[in-house]
Structure formats: C-alpha cells, structure tokens
C-alpha cells in the first residue's frame, strides 16, 4: 500500500498487530519517543513486519495518538 508523503507505518498490539499510518510530526512528541525507546528495547532494530512495531495495546496507542493529533 502507498504511504502518503510525511507519514510512516507502525504496528501496534500485544498479540495481534494492527497497522497504523501516522504523520512524522508525532516523532517530536515525548510520549511517542518513549514508545519508540520501548520498541528498541524489545525488538532492537529488527522489525519483520516492514514497519516499526510498538509494544503496547491498541487502546493505549489510539488514546495517546488522539491526544497529539495523529488521527
């Protein structure tokens, strides 16, 4: 699938992963940076799904993302 310019793909979920396309502007958000750090700790830089995998529940991510306007 095509990703719009200025966006990137992440996968979120504890068991089953859901795909999200989010704006690169979220990279400047401190809480999102914490999630990236957790991802690095758990997965390193090996993300076999082709996008960054975030190790949190979908509900936690969507709540957080809606706070900084990712959706």
PDB file of N, CA and C in Angstrom:
ATOM      1  N   UNK A   1       0.836  -1.192   0.000  1.00  0.00           N
ATOM      2  CA  UNK A   1       0.000   0.000   0.000  1.00  0.00           C
ATOM      3  C   UNK A   1       0.877   1.251   0.000  1.00  0.00           C
ATOM      4  N   UNK A   2       0.402   2.274  -0.659  1.00  0.00           N
ATOM      5  CA  UNK A   2       1.138   3.528  -0.701  1.00  0.00           C
ATOM      6  C   UNK A   2       1.000   4.267   0.624  1.00  0.00           C
ATOM      7  N   UNK A   3       2.105   4.856   1.040  1.00  0.00           N
ATOM      8  CA  UNK A   3       2.128   5.669   2.249  1.00  0.00           C
ATOM      9  C   UNK A   3       2.240   7.122   1.799  1.00  0.00           C
ATOM     10  N   UNK A   4       1.314   7.993   2.260  1.00  0.00           N
ATOM     11  CA  UNK A   4       1.397   9.401   1.848  1.00  0.00           C
ATOM     12  C   UNK A   4       2.700  10.044   2.320  1.00  0.00           C
ATOM     13  N   UNK A   5       3.180  10.998   1.578  1.00  0.00           N
ATOM     14  CA  UNK A   5       4.379  11.732   1.959  1.00  0.00           C
ATOM     15  C   UNK A   5       4.150  12.379   3.323  1.00  0.00           C
ATOM     16  N   UNK A   6       5.129  12.270   4.199  1.00  0.00           N
ATOM     17  CA  UNK A   6       5.029  12.845   5.532  1.00  0.00           C
ATOM     18  C   UNK A   6       4.419  11.901   6.551  1.00  0.00           C
ATOM     19  N   UNK A   7       4.222  10.642   6.192  1.00  0.00           N
ATOM     20  CA  UNK A   7       3.650   9.635   7.080  1.00  0.00           C
ATOM     21  C   UNK A   7       4.540   8.395   7.095  1.00  0.00           C
ATOM     22  N   UNK A   8       4.364   7.555   8.102  1.00  0.00           N
ATOM     23  CA  UNK A   8       5.065   6.285   8.156  1.00  0.00           C
ATOM     24  C   UNK A   8       4.167   5.245   8.810  1.00  0.00           C
ATOM     25  N   UNK A   9       4.543   3.977   8.672  1.00  0.00           N
ATOM     26  CA  UNK A   9       3.730   2.868   9.162  1.00  0.00           C
ATOM     27  C   UNK A   9       4.283   2.362  10.490  1.00  0.00           C
ATOM     28  N   UNK A  10       3.367   2.097  11.415  1.00  0.00           N
ATOM     29  CA  UNK A  10       3.727   1.398  12.641  1.00  0.00           C
ATOM     30  C   UNK A  10       2.710   0.286  12.857  1.00  0.00           C
ATOM     31  N   UNK A  11       3.120  -0.705  13.620  1.00  0.00           N
ATOM     32  CA  UNK A  11       2.245  -1.806  14.008  1.00  0.00           C
ATOM     33  C   UNK A  11       2.132  -1.788  15.512  1.00  0.00           C
ATOM     34  N   UNK A  12       0.907  -1.897  15.999  1.00  0.00           N
ATOM     35  CA  UNK A  12       0.631  -1.786  17.421  1.00  0.00           C
ATOM     36  C   UNK A  12      -0.213  -2.970  17.860  1.00  0.00           C
ATOM     37  N   UNK A  13       0.085  -3.463  19.044  1.00  0.00           N
ATOM     38  CA  UNK A  13      -0.715  -4.537  19.619  1.00  0.00           C
ATOM     39  C   UNK A  13       0.146  -5.477  20.426  1.00  0.00           C
ATOM     40  N   UNK A  14      -0.472  -6.129  21.370  1.00  0.00           N
ATOM     41  CA  UNK A  14       0.275  -7.053  22.217  1.00  0.00           C
ATOM     42  C   UNK A  14       0.344  -8.439  21.591  1.00  0.00           C
ATOM     43  N   UNK A  15      -0.753  -8.941  21.068  1.00  0.00           N
ATOM     44  CA  UNK A  15      -0.771 -10.238  20.399  1.00  0.00           C
ATOM     45  C   UNK A  15      -0.914 -10.030  18.895  1.00  0.00           C
ATOM     46  N   UNK A  16      -2.087  -9.633  18.488  1.00  0.00           N
ATOM     47  CA  UNK A  16      -2.346  -9.350  17.075  1.00  0.00           C
ATOM     48  C   UNK A  16      -1.966  -7.902  16.804  1.00  0.00           C
ATOM     49  N   UNK A  17      -1.216  -7.662  15.758  1.00  0.00           N
ATOM     50  CA  UNK A  17      -0.742  -6.317  15.442  1.00  0.00           C
ATOM     51  C   UNK A  17      -1.676  -5.639  14.442  1.00  0.00           C
ATOM     52  N   UNK A  18      -1.979  -4.369  14.707  1.00  0.00           N
ATOM     53  CA  UNK A  18      -2.795  -3.572  13.798  1.00  0.00           C
ATOM     54  C   UNK A  18      -1.907  -2.505  13.173  1.00  0.00           C
ATOM     55  N   UNK A  19      -2.110  -2.277  11.896  1.00  0.00           N
ATOM     56  CA  UNK A  19      -1.301  -1.319  11.133  1.00  0.00           C
ATOM     57  C   UNK A  19      -1.900   0.076  11.236  1.00  0.00           C
ATOM     58  N   UNK A  20      -1.034   1.057  11.500  1.00  0.00           N
ATOM     59  CA  UNK A  20      -1.432   2.460  11.536  1.00  0.00           C
ATOM     60  C   UNK A  20      -0.492   3.258  10.640  1.00  0.00           C
ATOM     61  N   UNK A  21      -1.028   4.233   9.965  1.00  0.00           N
ATOM     62  CA  UNK A  21      -0.228   5.180   9.198  1.00  0.00           C
ATOM     63  C   UNK A  21      -0.322   6.500   9.947  1.00  0.00           C
ATOM     64  N   UNK A  22       0.825   6.972  10.434  1.00  0.00           N
ATOM     65  CA  UNK A  22       0.834   8.163  11.292  1.00  0.00           C
ATOM     66  C   UNK A  22       1.751   9.232  10.697  1.00  0.00           C
ATOM     67  N   UNK A  23       1.467  10.488  11.004  1.00  0.00           N
ATOM     68  CA  UNK A  23       2.303  11.568  10.481  1.00  0.00           C
ATOM     69  C   UNK A  23       3.671  11.602  11.177  1.00  0.00           C
ATOM     70  N   UNK A  24       4.693  11.999  10.452  1.00  0.00           N
ATOM     71  CA  UNK A  24       6.029  12.085  11.047  1.00  0.00           C
ATOM     72  C   UNK A  24       6.088  13.118  12.163  1.00  0.00           C
ATOM     73  N   UNK A  25       5.128  14.005  12.229  1.00  0.00           N
ATOM     74  CA  UNK A  25       5.117  15.020  13.289  1.00  0.00           C
ATOM     75  C   UNK A  25       5.034  14.400  14.686  1.00  0.00           C
ATOM     76  N   UNK A  26       4.523  13.156  14.792  1.00  0.00           N
ATOM     77  CA  UNK A  26       4.449  12.515  16.112  1.00  0.00           C
ATOM     78  C   UNK A  26       5.830  12.186  16.662  1.00  0.00           C
ATOM     79  N   UNK A  27       6.836  12.162  15.802  1.00  0.00           N
ATOM     80  CA  UNK A  27       8.186  11.830  16.253  1.00  0.00           C
ATOM     81  C   UNK A  27       8.739  12.846  17.246  1.00  0.00           C
ATOM     82  N   UNK A  28       8.197  14.054  17.240  1.00  0.00           N
ATOM     83  CA  UNK A  28       8.668  15.077  18.174  1.00  0.00           C
ATOM     84  C   UNK A  28       7.964  15.018  19.529  1.00  0.00           C
ATOM     85  N   UNK A  29       6.954  14.173  19.657  1.00  0.00           N
ATOM     86  CA  UNK A  29       6.202  14.061  20.908  1.00  0.00           C
ATOM     87  C   UNK A  29       6.973  13.196  21.915  1.00  0.00           C
ATOM     88  N   UNK A  30       7.217  13.713  23.126  1.00  0.00           N
ATOM     89  CA  UNK A  30       7.978  12.956  24.129  1.00  0.00           C
ATOM     90  C   UNK A  30       7.376  11.583  24.443  1.00  0.00           C
ATOM     91  N   UNK A  31       6.069  11.484  24.540  1.00  0.00           N
ATOM     92  CA  UNK A  31       5.464  10.187  24.866  1.00  0.00           C
ATOM     93  C   UNK A  31       5.659   9.192  23.727  1.00  0.00           C
ATOM     94  N   UNK A  32       5.590   9.654  22.495  1.00  0.00           N
ATOM     95  CA  UNK A  32       5.831   8.770  21.368  1.00  0.00           C
ATOM     96  C   UNK A  32       7.297   8.332  21.350  1.00  0.00           C
ATOM     97  N   UNK A  33       8.190   9.226  21.708  1.00  0.00           N
ATOM     98  CA  UNK A  33       9.601   8.877  21.793  1.00  0.00           C
ATOM     99  C   UNK A  33       9.827   7.789  22.841  1.00  0.00           C
ATOM    100  N   UNK A  34       9.070   7.841  23.935  1.00  0.00           N
ATOM    101  CA  UNK A  34       9.147   6.781  24.956  1.00  0.00           C
ATOM    102  C   UNK A  34       8.718   5.440  24.356  1.00  0.00           C
ATOM    103  N   UNK A  35       7.639   5.449  23.562  1.00  0.00           N
ATOM    104  CA  UNK A  35       7.191   4.217  22.917  1.00  0.00           C
ATOM    105  C   UNK A  35       8.252   3.679  21.958  1.00  0.00           C
ATOM    106  N   UNK A  36       8.913   4.564  21.233  1.00  0.00           N
ATOM    107  CA  UNK A  36       9.984   4.131  20.336  1.00  0.00           C
ATOM    108  C   UNK A  36      11.136   3.510  21.119  1.00  0.00           C
ATOM    109  N   UNK A  37      11.447   4.093  22.258  1.00  0.00           N
ATOM    110  CA  UNK A  37      12.512   3.536  23.105  1.00  0.00           C
ATOM    111  C   UNK A  37      12.120   2.140  23.605  1.00  0.00           C
ATOM    112  N   UNK A  38      10.861   1.968  24.013  1.00  0.00           N
ATOM    113  CA  UNK A  38      10.383   0.649  24.435  1.00  0.00           C
ATOM    114  C   UNK A  38      10.477  -0.337  23.278  1.00  0.00           C
ATOM    115  N   UNK A  39      10.145   0.118  22.091  1.00  0.00           N
ATOM    116  CA  UNK A  39      10.230  -0.735  20.909  1.00  0.00           C
ATOM    117  C   UNK A  39      11.673  -1.168  20.666  1.00  0.00           C
ATOM    118  N   UNK A  40      12.594  -0.229  20.802  1.00  0.00           N
ATOM    119  CA  UNK A  40      14.012  -0.541  20.615  1.00  0.00           C
ATOM    120  C   UNK A  40      14.473  -1.573  21.645  1.00  0.00           C
ATOM    121  N   UNK A  41      14.028  -1.407  22.899  1.00  0.00           N
ATOM    122  CA  UNK A  41      14.420  -2.338  23.955  1.00  0.00           C
ATOM    123  C   UNK A  41      13.893  -3.746  23.691  1.00  0.00           C
ATOM    124  N   UNK A  42      12.666  -3.839  23.203  1.00  0.00           N
ATOM    125  CA  UNK A  42      12.040  -5.144  22.991  1.00  0.00           C
ATOM    126  C   UNK A  42      12.444  -5.799  21.683  1.00  0.00           C
ATOM    127  N   UNK A  43      12.519  -5.021  20.609  1.00  0.00           N
ATOM    128  CA  UNK A  43      12.741  -5.590  19.279  1.00  0.00           C
ATOM    129  C   UNK A  43      14.079  -5.231  18.657  1.00  0.00           C
ATOM    130  N   UNK A  44      14.819  -4.301  19.250  1.00  0.00           N
ATOM    131  CA  UNK A  44      16.031  -3.818  18.598  1.00  0.00           C
ATOM    132  C   UNK A  44      15.636  -3.074  17.341  1.00  0.00           C
ATOM    133  N   UNK A  45      16.398  -3.267  16.294  1.00  0.00           N
ATOM    134  CA  UNK A  45      16.073  -2.604  15.035  1.00  0.00           C
ATOM    135  C   UNK A  45      15.553  -3.599  14.006  1.00  0.00           C
ATOM    136  N   UNK A  46      15.155  -4.773  14.462  1.00  0.00           N
ATOM    137  CA  UNK A  46      14.631  -5.809  13.579  1.00  0.00           C
ATOM    138  C   UNK A  46      13.106  -5.797  13.656  1.00  0.00           C
ATOM    139  N   UNK A  47      12.466  -5.248  12.656  1.00  0.00           N
ATOM    140  CA  UNK A  47      11.011  -5.167  12.597  1.00  0.00           C
ATOM    141  C   UNK A  47      10.538  -5.931  11.366  1.00  0.00           C
ATOM    142  N   UNK A  48      10.284  -7.227  11.524  1.00  0.00           N
ATOM    143  CA  UNK A  48       9.981  -8.074  10.369  1.00  0.00           C
ATOM    144  C   UNK A  48       8.695  -7.736   9.630  1.00  0.00           C
ATOM    145  N   UNK A  49       7.813  -6.942  10.207  1.00  0.00           N
ATOM    146  CA  UNK A  49       6.554  -6.623   9.546  1.00  0.00           C
ATOM    147  C   UNK A  49       6.721  -5.498   8.524  1.00  0.00           C
ATOM    148  N   UNK A  50       7.895  -4.897   8.462  1.00  0.00           N
ATOM    149  CA  UNK A  50       8.137  -3.847   7.479  1.00  0.00           C
ATOM    150  C   UNK A  50       7.895  -2.448   7.997  1.00  0.00           C
ATOM    151  N   UNK A  51       7.429  -2.318   9.197  1.00  0.00           N
ATOM    152  CA  UNK A  51       7.226  -1.026   9.842  1.00  0.00           C
ATOM    153  C   UNK A  51       7.649  -1.154  11.290  1.00  0.00           C
ATOM    154  N   UNK A  52       7.671  -0.081  12.006  1.00  0.00           N
ATOM    155  CA  UNK A  52       8.041  -0.107  13.420  1.00  0.00           C
ATOM    156  C   UNK A  52       6.943  -0.800  14.211  1.00  0.00           C
ATOM    157  N   UNK A  53       7.334  -1.700  15.099  1.00  0.00           N
ATOM    158  CA  UNK A  53       6.380  -2.393  15.961  1.00  0.00           C
ATOM    159  C   UNK A  53       6.436  -1.757  17.341  1.00  0.00           C
ATOM    160  N   UNK A  54       5.284  -1.289  17.821  1.00  0.00           N
ATOM    161  CA  UNK A  54       5.188  -0.642  19.127  1.00  0.00           C
ATOM    162  C   UNK A  54       4.586  -1.637  20.119  1.00  0.00           C
ATOM    163  N   UNK A  55       5.292  -1.944  21.209  1.00  0.00           N
ATOM    164  CA  UNK A  55       4.813  -2.939  22.175  1.00  0.00           C
ATOM    165  C   UNK A  55       3.858  -2.362  23.218  1.00  0.00           C
ATOM    166  N   UNK A  56       2.663  -2.003  22.778  1.00  0.00           N
ATOM    167  CA  UNK A  56       1.634  -1.567  23.719  1.00  0.00           C
ATOM    168  C   UNK A  56       0.280  -1.971  23.153  1.00  0.00           C
ATOM    169  N   UNK A  57      -0.747  -1.872  23.965  1.00  0.00           N
ATOM    170  CA  UNK A  57      -2.075  -2.250  23.485  1.00  0.00           C
ATOM    171  C   UNK A  57      -2.579  -1.209  22.483  1.00  0.00           C
ATOM    172  N   UNK A  58      -3.456  -1.658  21.618  1.00  0.00           N
ATOM    173  CA  UNK A  58      -4.044  -0.761  20.627  1.00  0.00           C
ATOM    174  C   UNK A  58      -4.796   0.384  21.301  1.00  0.00           C
ATOM    175  N   UNK A  59      -5.514   0.087  22.386  1.00  0.00           N
ATOM    176  CA  UNK A  59      -6.275   1.121  23.099  1.00  0.00           C
ATOM    177  C   UNK A  59      -5.369   2.207  23.656  1.00  0.00           C
ATOM    178  N   UNK A  60      -4.257   1.810  24.250  1.00  0.00           N
ATOM    179  CA  UNK A  60      -3.309   2.782  24.805  1.00  0.00           C
ATOM    180  C   UNK A  60      -2.756   3.662  23.689  1.00  0.00           C
ATOM    181  N   UNK A  61      -2.387   3.027  22.573  1.00  0.00           N
ATOM    182  CA  UNK A  61      -1.825   3.795  21.468  1.00  0.00           C
ATOM    183  C   UNK A  61      -2.839   4.765  20.870  1.00  0.00           C
ATOM    184  N   UNK A  62      -4.057   4.305  20.609  1.00  0.00           N
ATOM    185  CA  UNK A  62      -5.044   5.191  19.983  1.00  0.00           C
ATOM    186  C   UNK A  62      -5.409   6.354  20.907  1.00  0.00           C
ATOM    187  N   UNK A  63      -5.455   6.101  22.211  1.00  0.00           N
ATOM    188  CA  UNK A  63      -5.717   7.185  23.159  1.00  0.00           C
ATOM    189  C   UNK A  63      -4.588   8.203  23.114  1.00  0.00           C
ATOM    190  N   UNK A  64      -3.369   7.718  23.157  1.00  0.00           N
ATOM    191  CA  UNK A  64      -2.206   8.599  23.114  1.00  0.00           C
ATOM    192  C   UNK A  64      -2.142   9.360  21.785  1.00  0.00           C
ATOM    193  N   UNK A  65      -2.316   8.658  20.680  1.00  0.00           N
ATOM    194  CA  UNK A  65      -2.220   9.277  19.364  1.00  0.00           C
ATOM    195  C   UNK A  65      -3.291  10.348  19.170  1.00  0.00           C
ATOM    196  N   UNK A  66      -4.478  10.123  19.718  1.00  0.00           N
ATOM    197  CA  UNK A  66      -5.538  11.121  19.556  1.00  0.00           C
ATOM    198  C   UNK A  66      -5.221  12.397  20.348  1.00  0.00           C
ATOM    199  N   UNK A  67      -4.439  12.273  21.406  1.00  0.00           N
ATOM    200  CA  UNK A  67      -4.060  13.442  22.208  1.00  0.00           C
ATOM    201  C   UNK A  67      -3.126  14.388  21.456  1.00  0.00           C
ATOM    202  N   UNK A  68      -2.254  13.831  20.609  1.00  0.00           N
ATOM    203  CA  UNK A  68      -1.367  14.722  19.867  1.00  0.00           C
ATOM    204  C   UNK A  68      -1.709  14.776  18.386  1.00  0.00           C
ATOM    205  N   UNK A  69      -2.954  14.489  18.060  1.00  0.00           N
ATOM    206  CA  UNK A  69      -3.476  14.747  16.731  1.00  0.00           C
ATOM    207  C   UNK A  69      -2.966  13.848  15.627  1.00  0.00           C
ATOM    208  N   UNK A  70      -2.627  12.593  15.952  1.00  0.00           N
ATOM    209  CA  UNK A  70      -2.139  11.673  14.924  1.00  0.00           C
ATOM    210  C   UNK A  70      -3.270  11.157  14.052  1.00  0.00           C
ATOM    211  N   UNK A  71      -4.503  11.278  14.527  1.00  0.00           N
ATOM    212  CA  UNK A  71      -5.657  10.784  13.761  1.00  0.00           C
ATOM    213  C   UNK A  71      -6.600  11.924  13.466  1.00  0.00           C
TER     214      UNK A  71
END
